[in-house]
Amino acid sequence: MDLPTLKRLMHRDHPTFITGLGNQHLLKQNHLHPLIILDWWQKAQNTTIPIQFVPAQHFSGRGLFDRNKTLWGGFILNTPGGTVYFAGDTGLGPFMRQIQQRSAPIRMALLPIGAYQPRQIMKWMHMNPDDAVQALQYLKAQQAIGVHFDSFEGLADEQQFKAKSDLRRALHQQHIQAQRFITPPLGSSVCWTSSSQFIRIN
């Protein structure tokens, strides 16, 4: 919801903006269109690929008086290469099992792994690497990519580059192959073909 970025995307790519209930007011005020507004579990109509808005666990708000006035969520994208789940920014919750039940098989899950300390505050809205590995298991996803980490120093109490090492530890403890949950370097690209088991970092 960074408005300068959304405006650049509109002028460059002319996309359709798909978002949760309540966000339409801000987007319309800033002349961002066309819009598709969804409740949890609703699917966008007339899009290039099927897109569904799914639950997430995080507060919302852009000011002092609009806490939880808009609906936070993630997305399921049904691509020709398989189902992709983008969790966005969320804590771990029982909805992960519901997403798996409704969307299986999930080929790729983009899961947040950063900004998780102090745990007693952050656990409700930000998964730590242990939670993200648990989410991978709940979702039964073939592979995962870590998101929401390392970009901003000081966003939370853990060291800026701690998430990657904590993820490696969590995967080892759960006896999960490291290539099943990857953290590509910032600015890198990945290659994913219909025949490959895991994606490749370029």
C-alpha atoms as a PDB file:
ATOM      1  CA  MET A   1       0.000   0.000   0.000  1.00  0.00           C
ATOM      2  CA  ASP A   2       2.933   2.346  -0.635  1.00  0.00           C
ATOM      3  CA  LEU A   3       1.168   4.971  -2.726  1.00  0.00           C
ATOM      4  CA  PRO A   4       4.171   6.251  -4.746  1.00  0.00           C
ATOM      5  CA  THR A   5       4.988   2.660  -5.728  1.00  0.00           C
ATOM      6  CA  LEU A   6       1.369   1.895  -6.648  1.00  0.00           C
ATOM      7  CA  LYS A   7       1.198   5.033  -8.803  1.00  0.00           C
ATOM      8  CA  ARG A   8       4.400   4.093 -10.628  1.00  0.00           C
ATOM      9  CA  LEU A   9       3.007   0.614 -11.257  1.00  0.00           C
ATOM     10  CA  MET A  10      -0.252   2.056 -12.588  1.00  0.00           C
ATOM     11  CA  HIS A  11       1.507   4.345 -15.062  1.00  0.00           C
ATOM     12  CA  ARG A  12       4.051   1.708 -16.122  1.00  0.00           C
ATOM     13  CA  ASP A  13       1.988  -1.490 -16.244  1.00  0.00           C
ATOM     14  CA  HIS A  14      -1.700  -0.476 -16.085  1.00  0.00           C
ATOM     15  CA  PRO A  15      -2.548  -3.314 -13.664  1.00  0.00           C
ATOM     16  CA  THR A  16      -5.776  -4.224 -11.940  1.00  0.00           C
ATOM     17  CA  PHE A  17      -5.421  -3.664  -8.176  1.00  0.00           C
ATOM     18  CA  ILE A  18      -6.775  -6.546  -6.099  1.00  0.00           C
ATOM     19  CA  THR A  19      -7.111  -5.884  -2.374  1.00  0.00           C
ATOM     20  CA  GLY A  20      -9.160  -6.530   0.745  1.00  0.00           C
ATOM     21  CA  LEU A  21     -12.326  -4.882   2.016  1.00  0.00           C
ATOM     22  CA  GLY A  22     -11.938  -1.258   3.067  1.00  0.00           C
ATOM     23  CA  ASN A  23      -8.846  -0.452   1.022  1.00  0.00           C
ATOM     24  CA  GLN A  24     -10.883   0.826  -1.906  1.00  0.00           C
ATOM     25  CA  HIS A  25     -11.374   4.220  -0.238  1.00  0.00           C
ATOM     26  CA  LEU A  26      -7.666   5.062  -0.143  1.00  0.00           C
ATOM     27  CA  LEU A  27      -7.051   3.737  -3.647  1.00  0.00           C
ATOM     28  CA  LYS A  28      -9.967   5.661  -5.138  1.00  0.00           C
ATOM     29  CA  GLN A  29      -8.842   8.860  -3.403  1.00  0.00           C
ATOM     30  CA  ASN A  30      -5.485   8.457  -5.133  1.00  0.00           C
ATOM     31  CA  HIS A  31      -6.982   7.627  -8.535  1.00  0.00           C
ATOM     32  CA  LEU A  32      -5.675   4.065  -8.561  1.00  0.00           C
ATOM     33  CA  HIS A  33      -7.842   1.849 -10.763  1.00  0.00           C
ATOM     34  CA  PRO A  34      -9.298  -0.502 -11.873  1.00  0.00           C
ATOM     35  CA  LEU A  35     -10.027  -2.158  -8.522  1.00  0.00           C
ATOM     36  CA  ILE A  36     -11.216  -5.574  -7.387  1.00  0.00           C
ATOM     37  CA  ILE A  37     -12.195  -5.631  -3.702  1.00  0.00           C
ATOM     38  CA  LEU A  38     -12.408  -9.021  -2.000  1.00  0.00           C
ATOM     39  CA  ASP A  39     -13.448 -10.593   1.279  1.00  0.00           C
ATOM     40  CA  TRP A  40     -11.594 -13.642   2.593  1.00  0.00           C
ATOM     41  CA  TRP A  41     -12.051 -16.671   0.336  1.00  0.00           C
ATOM     42  CA  GLN A  42     -13.523 -14.623  -2.505  1.00  0.00           C
ATOM     43  CA  LYS A  43     -12.055 -15.016  -5.989  1.00  0.00           C
ATOM     44  CA  ALA A  44     -11.330 -12.258  -8.464  1.00  0.00           C
ATOM     45  CA  GLN A  45     -13.333 -12.472 -11.654  1.00  0.00           C
ATOM     46  CA  ASN A  46     -12.105 -11.806 -15.192  1.00  0.00           C
ATOM     47  CA  THR A  47      -8.401 -11.912 -14.344  1.00  0.00           C
ATOM     48  CA  THR A  48      -5.638 -13.502 -16.446  1.00  0.00           C
ATOM     49  CA  ILE A  49      -5.191 -16.233 -13.827  1.00  0.00           C
ATOM     50  CA  PRO A  50      -7.552 -17.171 -10.971  1.00  0.00           C
ATOM     51  CA  ILE A  51      -6.694 -15.174  -7.822  1.00  0.00           C
ATOM     52  CA  GLN A  52      -8.242 -15.739  -4.399  1.00  0.00           C
ATOM     53  CA  PHE A  53      -7.970 -13.545  -1.278  1.00  0.00           C
ATOM     54  CA  VAL A  54      -7.252 -15.645   1.812  1.00  0.00           C
ATOM     55  CA  PRO A  55      -6.977 -15.009   5.573  1.00  0.00           C
ATOM     56  CA  ALA A  56      -3.918 -13.617   7.335  1.00  0.00           C
ATOM     57  CA  GLN A  57      -3.244 -12.560  10.929  1.00  0.00           C
ATOM     58  CA  HIS A  58      -2.113  -8.941  11.320  1.00  0.00           C
ATOM     59  CA  PHE A  59      -3.593  -5.633  12.437  1.00  0.00           C
ATOM     60  CA  SER A  60      -4.269  -2.981   9.791  1.00  0.00           C
ATOM     61  CA  GLY A  61      -4.152   0.804   9.933  1.00  0.00           C
ATOM     62  CA  ARG A  62      -2.513   3.873   8.430  1.00  0.00           C
ATOM     63  CA  GLY A  63      -3.222   6.383  11.213  1.00  0.00           C
ATOM     64  CA  LEU A  64      -4.358   6.818  14.818  1.00  0.00           C
ATOM     65  CA  PHE A  65      -8.058   6.200  14.275  1.00  0.00           C
ATOM     66  CA  ASP A  66      -8.372   3.474  11.632  1.00  0.00           C
ATOM     67  CA  ARG A  67      -7.062   0.385  13.425  1.00  0.00           C
ATOM     68  CA  ASN A  68      -8.487  -2.790  11.859  1.00  0.00           C
ATOM     69  CA  LYS A  69     -10.838  -0.884   9.562  1.00  0.00           C
ATOM     70  CA  THR A  70      -9.498  -2.689   6.493  1.00  0.00           C
ATOM     71  CA  LEU A  71      -9.102  -6.392   5.805  1.00  0.00           C
ATOM     72  CA  TRP A  72      -5.602  -7.909   5.821  1.00  0.00           C
ATOM     73  CA  GLY A  73      -4.944 -11.000   3.755  1.00  0.00           C
ATOM     74  CA  GLY A  74      -2.823 -13.118   1.453  1.00  0.00           C
ATOM     75  CA  PHE A  75      -3.361 -14.472  -2.044  1.00  0.00           C
ATOM     76  CA  ILE A  76      -3.682 -17.795  -3.826  1.00  0.00           C
ATOM     77  CA  LEU A  77      -2.663 -17.666  -7.499  1.00  0.00           C
ATOM     78  CA  ASN A  78      -3.603 -20.619  -9.700  1.00  0.00           C
ATOM     79  CA  THR A  79      -0.906 -20.444 -12.366  1.00  0.00           C
ATOM     80  CA  PRO A  80      -0.350 -22.857 -15.263  1.00  0.00           C
ATOM     81  CA  GLY A  81       2.745 -24.097 -13.420  1.00  0.00           C
ATOM     82  CA  GLY A  82       0.938 -24.780 -10.176  1.00  0.00           C
ATOM     83  CA  THR A  83      -0.693 -23.075  -7.206  1.00  0.00           C
ATOM     84  CA  VAL A  84       1.239 -20.239  -5.542  1.00  0.00           C
ATOM     85  CA  TYR A  85       0.416 -18.988  -2.038  1.00  0.00           C
ATOM     86  CA  PHE A  86       1.612 -15.481  -1.103  1.00  0.00           C
ATOM     87  CA  ALA A  87       1.168 -15.091   2.652  1.00  0.00           C
ATOM     88  CA  GLY A  88       2.267 -11.459   2.683  1.00  0.00           C
ATOM     89  CA  ASP A  89       2.836 -10.283   6.251  1.00  0.00           C
ATOM     90  CA  THR A  90       1.233 -12.535   8.854  1.00  0.00           C
ATOM     91  CA  GLY A  91       1.518 -14.452  12.074  1.00  0.00           C
ATOM     92  CA  LEU A  92       1.032 -18.215  12.176  1.00  0.00           C
ATOM     93  CA  GLY A  93      -2.575 -19.290  12.582  1.00  0.00           C
ATOM     94  CA  PRO A  94      -5.065 -22.133  12.037  1.00  0.00           C
ATOM     95  CA  PHE A  95      -6.085 -20.561   8.722  1.00  0.00           C
ATOM     96  CA  MET A  96      -2.916 -22.079   7.223  1.00  0.00           C
ATOM     97  CA  ARG A  97      -4.498 -25.523   7.460  1.00  0.00           C
ATOM     98  CA  GLN A  98      -7.694 -24.156   5.909  1.00  0.00           C
ATOM     99  CA  ILE A  99      -5.707 -22.715   3.001  1.00  0.00           C
ATOM    100  CA  GLN A 100      -4.066 -26.087   2.449  1.00  0.00           C
ATOM    101  CA  GLN A 101      -7.403 -27.897   2.553  1.00  0.00           C
ATOM    102  CA  ARG A 102      -8.990 -25.507   0.063  1.00  0.00           C
ATOM    103  CA  SER A 103      -6.026 -24.970  -2.280  1.00  0.00           C
ATOM    104  CA  ALA A 104      -3.965 -28.180  -2.323  1.00  0.00           C
ATOM    105  CA  PRO A 105      -1.661 -29.031  -3.871  1.00  0.00           C
ATOM    106  CA  ILE A 106       0.387 -25.883  -3.256  1.00  0.00           C
ATOM    107  CA  ARG A 107       3.525 -25.832  -5.343  1.00  0.00           C
ATOM    108  CA  MET A 108       5.086 -22.629  -4.013  1.00  0.00           C
ATOM    109  CA  ALA A 109       4.542 -20.705  -0.760  1.00  0.00           C
ATOM    110  CA  LEU A 110       6.012 -17.246  -0.201  1.00  0.00           C
ATOM    111  CA  LEU A 111       6.298 -17.016   3.591  1.00  0.00           C
ATOM    112  CA  PRO A 112       7.517 -14.166   5.842  1.00  0.00           C
ATOM    113  CA  ILE A 113      10.487 -14.979   8.079  1.00  0.00           C
ATOM    114  CA  GLY A 114      11.675 -11.620   9.496  1.00  0.00           C
ATOM    115  CA  ALA A 115      10.881  -8.902  12.082  1.00  0.00           C
ATOM    116  CA  TYR A 116      10.003 -11.406  14.830  1.00  0.00           C
ATOM    117  CA  GLN A 117      11.604 -10.123  18.057  1.00  0.00           C
ATOM    118  CA  PRO A 118      10.553  -9.455  20.801  1.00  0.00           C
ATOM    119  CA  ARG A 119       8.496 -12.594  20.425  1.00  0.00           C
ATOM    120  CA  GLN A 120       5.789 -11.764  22.984  1.00  0.00           C
ATOM    121  CA  ILE A 121       4.832  -8.741  20.856  1.00  0.00           C
ATOM    122  CA  MET A 122       5.609  -9.854  17.331  1.00  0.00           C
ATOM    123  CA  LYS A 123       4.265 -13.429  17.358  1.00  0.00           C
ATOM    124  CA  TRP A 124       0.677 -12.348  16.688  1.00  0.00           C
ATOM    125  CA  MET A 125       1.560 -10.591  13.422  1.00  0.00           C
ATOM    126  CA  HIS A 126       4.995 -11.823  12.269  1.00  0.00           C
ATOM    127  CA  MET A 127       6.116 -15.417  11.865  1.00  0.00           C
ATOM    128  CA  ASN A 128       9.645 -16.245  12.928  1.00  0.00           C
ATOM    129  CA  PRO A 129      11.644 -18.852  10.955  1.00  0.00           C
ATOM    130  CA  ASP A 130      10.382 -21.679  13.213  1.00  0.00           C
ATOM    131  CA  ASP A 131       6.788 -20.593  12.541  1.00  0.00           C
ATOM    132  CA  ALA A 132       7.490 -20.349   8.814  1.00  0.00           C
ATOM    133  CA  VAL A 133       8.803 -23.925   8.747  1.00  0.00           C
ATOM    134  CA  GLN A 134       5.682 -25.004  10.641  1.00  0.00           C
ATOM    135  CA  ALA A 135       3.569 -23.135   8.071  1.00  0.00           C
ATOM    136  CA  LEU A 136       5.382 -24.969   5.280  1.00  0.00           C
ATOM    137  CA  GLN A 137       4.400 -28.245   6.927  1.00  0.00           C
ATOM    138  CA  TYR A 138       0.786 -27.151   7.483  1.00  0.00           C
ATOM    139  CA  LEU A 139       0.524 -26.066   3.847  1.00  0.00           C
ATOM    140  CA  LYS A 140       2.271 -29.207   2.539  1.00  0.00           C
ATOM    141  CA  ALA A 141       3.839 -26.940  -0.071  1.00  0.00           C
ATOM    142  CA  GLN A 142       6.395 -28.411  -2.426  1.00  0.00           C
ATOM    143  CA  GLN A 143       8.698 -25.434  -1.878  1.00  0.00           C
ATOM    144  CA  ALA A 144       8.840 -22.077  -0.100  1.00  0.00           C
ATOM    145  CA  ILE A 145      10.601 -18.751  -0.580  1.00  0.00           C
ATOM    146  CA  GLY A 146      11.309 -16.531   2.411  1.00  0.00           C
ATOM    147  CA  VAL A 147      10.037 -12.939   2.224  1.00  0.00           C
ATOM    148  CA  HIS A 148       9.751  -9.995   4.636  1.00  0.00           C
ATOM    149  CA  PHE A 149      13.347 -10.045   5.930  1.00  0.00           C
ATOM    150  CA  ASP A 150      16.668  -8.134   5.749  1.00  0.00           C
ATOM    151  CA  SER A 151      15.320  -5.095   3.870  1.00  0.00           C
ATOM    152  CA  PHE A 152      15.144  -2.671   6.807  1.00  0.00           C
ATOM    153  CA  GLU A 153      17.553  -2.482   9.713  1.00  0.00           C
ATOM    154  CA  GLY A 154      15.925  -1.797  13.081  1.00  0.00           C
ATOM    155  CA  LEU A 155      12.419  -2.906  12.120  1.00  0.00           C
ATOM    156  CA  ALA A 156      12.510  -5.392  15.025  1.00  0.00           C
ATOM    157  CA  ASP A 157      14.907  -6.435  17.790  1.00  0.00           C
ATOM    158  CA  GLU A 158      16.679  -9.316  16.023  1.00  0.00           C
ATOM    159  CA  GLN A 159      19.827  -8.572  14.051  1.00  0.00           C
ATOM    160  CA  GLN A 160      19.182  -7.613  10.446  1.00  0.00           C
ATOM    161  CA  PHE A 161      20.545 -10.821   8.886  1.00  0.00           C
ATOM    162  CA  LYS A 162      19.525 -13.241  11.656  1.00  0.00           C
ATOM    163  CA  ALA A 163      16.461 -14.644   9.882  1.00  0.00           C
ATOM    164  CA  LYS A 164      18.469 -16.668   7.359  1.00  0.00           C
ATOM    165  CA  SER A 165      20.577 -18.438   9.971  1.00  0.00           C
ATOM    166  CA  ASP A 166      17.519 -19.082  12.151  1.00  0.00           C
ATOM    167  CA  LEU A 167      15.735 -20.550   9.118  1.00  0.00           C
ATOM    168  CA  ARG A 168      18.637 -22.900   8.385  1.00  0.00           C
ATOM    169  CA  ARG A 169      18.550 -24.069  12.009  1.00  0.00           C
ATOM    170  CA  ALA A 170      14.763 -24.579  11.957  1.00  0.00           C
ATOM    171  CA  LEU A 171      14.917 -26.596   8.729  1.00  0.00           C
ATOM    172  CA  HIS A 172      17.723 -28.765  10.129  1.00  0.00           C
ATOM    173  CA  GLN A 173      15.775 -29.436  13.324  1.00  0.00           C
ATOM    174  CA  GLN A 174      12.743 -30.548  11.315  1.00  0.00           C
ATOM    175  CA  HIS A 175      14.867 -32.648   8.907  1.00  0.00           C
ATOM    176  CA  ILE A 176      13.712 -30.634   5.886  1.00  0.00           C
ATOM    177  CA  GLN A 177      15.971 -30.162   2.871  1.00  0.00           C
ATOM    178  CA  ALA A 178      17.463 -26.657   2.707  1.00  0.00           C
ATOM    179  CA  GLN A 179      16.505 -26.287  -0.967  1.00  0.00           C
ATOM    180  CA  ARG A 180      12.852 -26.762  -0.059  1.00  0.00           C
ATOM    181  CA  PHE A 181      12.807 -23.340   1.691  1.00  0.00           C
ATOM    182  CA  ILE A 182      15.109 -20.823   0.024  1.00  0.00           C
ATOM    183  CA  THR A 183      16.021 -17.186   0.638  1.00  0.00           C
ATOM    184  CA  PRO A 184      17.237 -15.701  -2.671  1.00  0.00           C
ATOM    185  CA  PRO A 185      19.602 -12.723  -2.393  1.00  0.00           C
ATOM    186  CA  LEU A 186      17.976  -9.323  -2.840  1.00  0.00           C
ATOM    187  CA  GLY A 187      17.730  -8.485  -6.531  1.00  0.00           C
ATOM    188  CA  SER A 188      18.184 -12.063  -7.733  1.00  0.00           C
ATOM    189  CA  SER A 189      15.772 -13.991  -9.905  1.00  0.00           C
ATOM    190  CA  VAL A 190      14.581 -17.574  -9.773  1.00  0.00           C
ATOM    191  CA  CYS A 191      13.869 -20.127 -12.463  1.00  0.00           C
ATOM    192  CA  TRP A 192      10.887 -22.424 -12.066  1.00  0.00           C
ATOM    193  CA  THR A 193       9.879 -24.882 -14.763  1.00  0.00           C
ATOM    194  CA  SER A 194       6.954 -27.255 -14.822  1.00  0.00           C
ATOM    195  CA  SER A 195       9.277 -30.265 -14.765  1.00  0.00           C
ATOM    196  CA  SER A 196      11.620 -29.212 -11.931  1.00  0.00           C
ATOM    197  CA  GLN A 197      11.116 -30.250  -8.326  1.00  0.00           C
ATOM    198  CA  PHE A 198      12.780 -27.128  -6.915  1.00  0.00           C
ATOM    199  CA  ILE A 199      13.351 -23.680  -8.357  1.00  0.00           C
ATOM    200  CA  ARG A 200      16.851 -22.428  -9.157  1.00  0.00           C
ATOM    201  CA  ILE A 201      18.330 -19.103  -8.023  1.00  0.00           C
ATOM    202  CA  ASN A 202      19.974 -17.154 -10.858  1.00  0.00           C
END
